[in-house]
Protein backbone atom coordinates (compact mmCIF):
# COMPACT_ATOMS: atom_id res chain seq x y z
CA MET A 1 117.29 -43.97 174.25
CA ASP A 2 116.34 -45.76 171.00
CA ASN A 3 116.49 -44.33 167.48
CA LYS A 4 112.80 -43.41 167.24
CA GLU A 5 112.97 -41.52 170.54
CA TYR A 6 116.17 -39.75 169.46
CA LEU A 7 114.75 -38.84 166.05
CA SER A 8 111.60 -37.37 167.55
CA LYS A 9 113.84 -34.79 169.27
CA LEU A 10 115.67 -33.84 166.05
CA GLU A 11 113.04 -31.59 164.51
CA ILE A 12 115.76 -29.75 162.55
CA TYR A 13 116.32 -32.79 160.32
CA ASN A 14 112.61 -33.33 159.52
CA PHE A 15 113.04 -37.10 159.65
CA ASP A 16 109.98 -38.68 158.09
CA LYS A 17 111.23 -42.14 157.19
CA TYR A 18 110.19 -44.14 160.24
CA GLU A 19 109.00 -46.97 157.95
CA LEU A 20 112.63 -47.57 156.88
CA ILE A 21 113.68 -48.09 160.51
CA ASN A 22 111.44 -51.16 160.56
CA LYS A 23 113.18 -52.76 157.57
CA LYS A 24 115.38 -55.82 158.08
CA GLU A 25 118.39 -54.03 156.53
CA PHE A 26 118.20 -51.25 159.10
CA GLN A 27 117.93 -53.72 161.97
CA GLU A 28 121.03 -55.52 160.67
CA VAL A 29 123.15 -52.35 160.61
CA GLU A 30 121.81 -50.96 163.89
CA LYS A 31 123.68 -53.62 165.86
CA TYR A 32 126.94 -52.04 164.63
CA PHE A 33 126.11 -48.62 166.09
CA LEU A 34 128.57 -47.24 168.60
CA SER A 35 127.59 -45.81 171.95
CA GLU A 36 125.60 -42.60 171.46
CA GLU A 37 125.28 -43.20 167.70
CA PHE A 38 121.90 -42.48 166.17
CA VAL A 39 120.44 -42.42 162.68
CA ILE A 40 120.03 -38.95 161.20
CA ASP A 41 118.71 -39.74 157.72
CA ILE A 42 118.09 -42.65 155.36
CA ILE A 43 117.72 -42.77 151.60
CA VAL A 44 117.12 -45.67 149.26
CA GLY A 45 118.61 -45.47 145.79
CA GLU A 46 120.71 -47.29 143.26
CA ILE A 47 124.48 -47.67 143.47
CA ASN A 48 126.16 -49.52 140.58
CA ALA A 49 122.80 -50.90 139.38
CA PHE A 50 121.88 -52.41 142.79
CA ALA A 51 119.37 -51.06 145.29
CA HIS A 52 121.02 -49.72 148.45
CA MET A 53 119.90 -48.18 151.69
CA VAL A 54 122.26 -45.33 152.59
CA LEU A 55 122.16 -44.47 156.24
CA LEU A 56 123.67 -41.39 157.86
CA THR A 57 124.32 -41.40 161.59
CA ASN A 58 125.80 -38.71 163.75
CA LYS A 59 129.16 -40.55 163.45
CA ARG A 60 129.25 -42.53 160.18
CA LEU A 61 127.77 -43.22 156.78
CA PHE A 62 126.63 -46.77 155.95
CA THR A 63 125.64 -48.41 152.67
CA ILE A 64 123.54 -51.54 152.92
CA SER A 65 122.82 -53.71 149.89
CA LYS A 66 120.79 -56.87 149.80
CA PHE A 67 122.50 -59.26 147.42
CA ILE A 68 120.77 -62.44 148.47
CA GLN A 69 117.61 -63.18 150.42
CA THR A 70 119.36 -64.00 153.68
CA ALA A 71 122.24 -61.53 153.85
CA SER A 72 123.14 -57.93 153.25
CA GLN A 73 126.48 -56.31 152.52
CA ILE A 74 127.22 -53.44 154.89
CA LYS A 75 129.96 -50.87 154.30
CA GLN A 76 130.79 -48.01 156.63
CA TYR A 77 132.61 -44.72 156.18
CA GLY A 78 133.65 -42.31 158.92
CA LEU A 79 132.44 -38.74 158.57
CA GLU A 80 136.06 -37.56 158.67
CA GLN A 81 136.66 -39.48 155.40
CA ILE A 82 134.18 -37.39 153.40
CA GLN A 83 135.84 -34.98 151.01
CA ASP A 84 132.88 -33.78 148.95
CA VAL A 85 129.20 -34.41 148.22
CA LYS A 86 127.76 -33.37 144.87
CA LEU A 87 124.11 -33.11 143.91
CA GLY A 88 122.94 -33.66 140.34
CA VAL A 89 119.36 -32.67 139.54
CA LEU A 90 117.18 -33.40 136.53
CA GLY A 91 113.65 -32.27 137.37
CA ASP A 92 112.21 -34.37 140.18
CA ILE A 93 115.01 -36.96 139.98
CA ALA A 94 118.44 -36.42 141.50
CA ASP A 95 121.65 -38.21 142.33
CA LEU A 96 124.18 -37.73 145.10
CA THR A 97 127.86 -38.38 144.49
CA MET A 98 129.97 -38.92 147.58
CA ILE A 99 133.72 -38.54 147.30
CA PHE A 100 136.01 -39.78 150.06
CA LYS A 101 139.58 -38.77 150.86
CA SER A 102 140.69 -42.35 150.18
CA GLY A 103 139.59 -41.99 146.53
CA ILE A 104 136.39 -44.01 146.91
CA ILE A 105 133.53 -42.48 144.97
CA PHE A 106 129.96 -43.69 144.86
CA LYS A 107 126.89 -42.24 143.27
CA VAL A 108 123.38 -42.84 144.57
CA ASP A 109 120.94 -42.59 141.65
CA TYR A 110 117.17 -42.30 141.29
CA LEU A 111 116.43 -40.17 144.34
CA HIS A 112 113.62 -37.69 144.65
CA THR A 113 115.20 -34.24 144.43
CA GLN A 114 113.96 -33.11 147.85
CA ASP A 115 115.27 -36.30 149.51
CA ALA A 116 118.68 -35.88 147.86
CA GLN A 117 118.92 -32.21 148.86
CA LYS A 118 117.95 -32.97 152.46
CA PHE A 119 120.36 -35.92 152.72
CA GLY A 120 123.21 -33.81 151.31
CA TYR A 121 122.40 -31.05 153.79
CA ASN A 122 122.34 -33.53 156.67
CA ILE A 123 125.75 -34.93 155.65
CA SER A 124 127.26 -31.46 155.70
CA LYS A 125 125.58 -30.70 159.04
CA MET A 126 126.86 -33.93 160.64
CA TYR A 127 130.35 -33.40 159.18
CA GLU A 128 130.41 -29.88 160.63
CA GLU A 129 129.26 -31.11 164.06
CA PHE A 130 131.79 -33.96 163.95
CA ILE A 131 134.66 -31.58 163.20
CA LYS A 132 133.56 -29.26 166.02
CA SER A 133 133.62 -32.18 168.45
CA LEU A 134 137.29 -32.98 167.75
């Protein structure tokens, strides 16, 4: 089953970002997916003044940044590493701060408030499901 087929069955997550699945950055990270790993949500925002795609799967969180035309930098974090997710809202613009048990903190800026809220909800939902599966 491919990601589009899987996502069509996940009505609870209201995934409406199929256009991002067709981006080169997504195709680069998809080859790192484990067996039975599927994308749950994607946001595009700014981390440390650089545009990033932040991808949540049912097993991990990825950040993908395009530093040069031919390559992207991909970082991955296991769901078990997440300590906290904080939402900051200023009108229609929001940011998500993700704090990991290892001390790593990153903040995704310039998100639409609804996208940030939904992504934060999906992280908590995937974390909860991951913990239940242990």
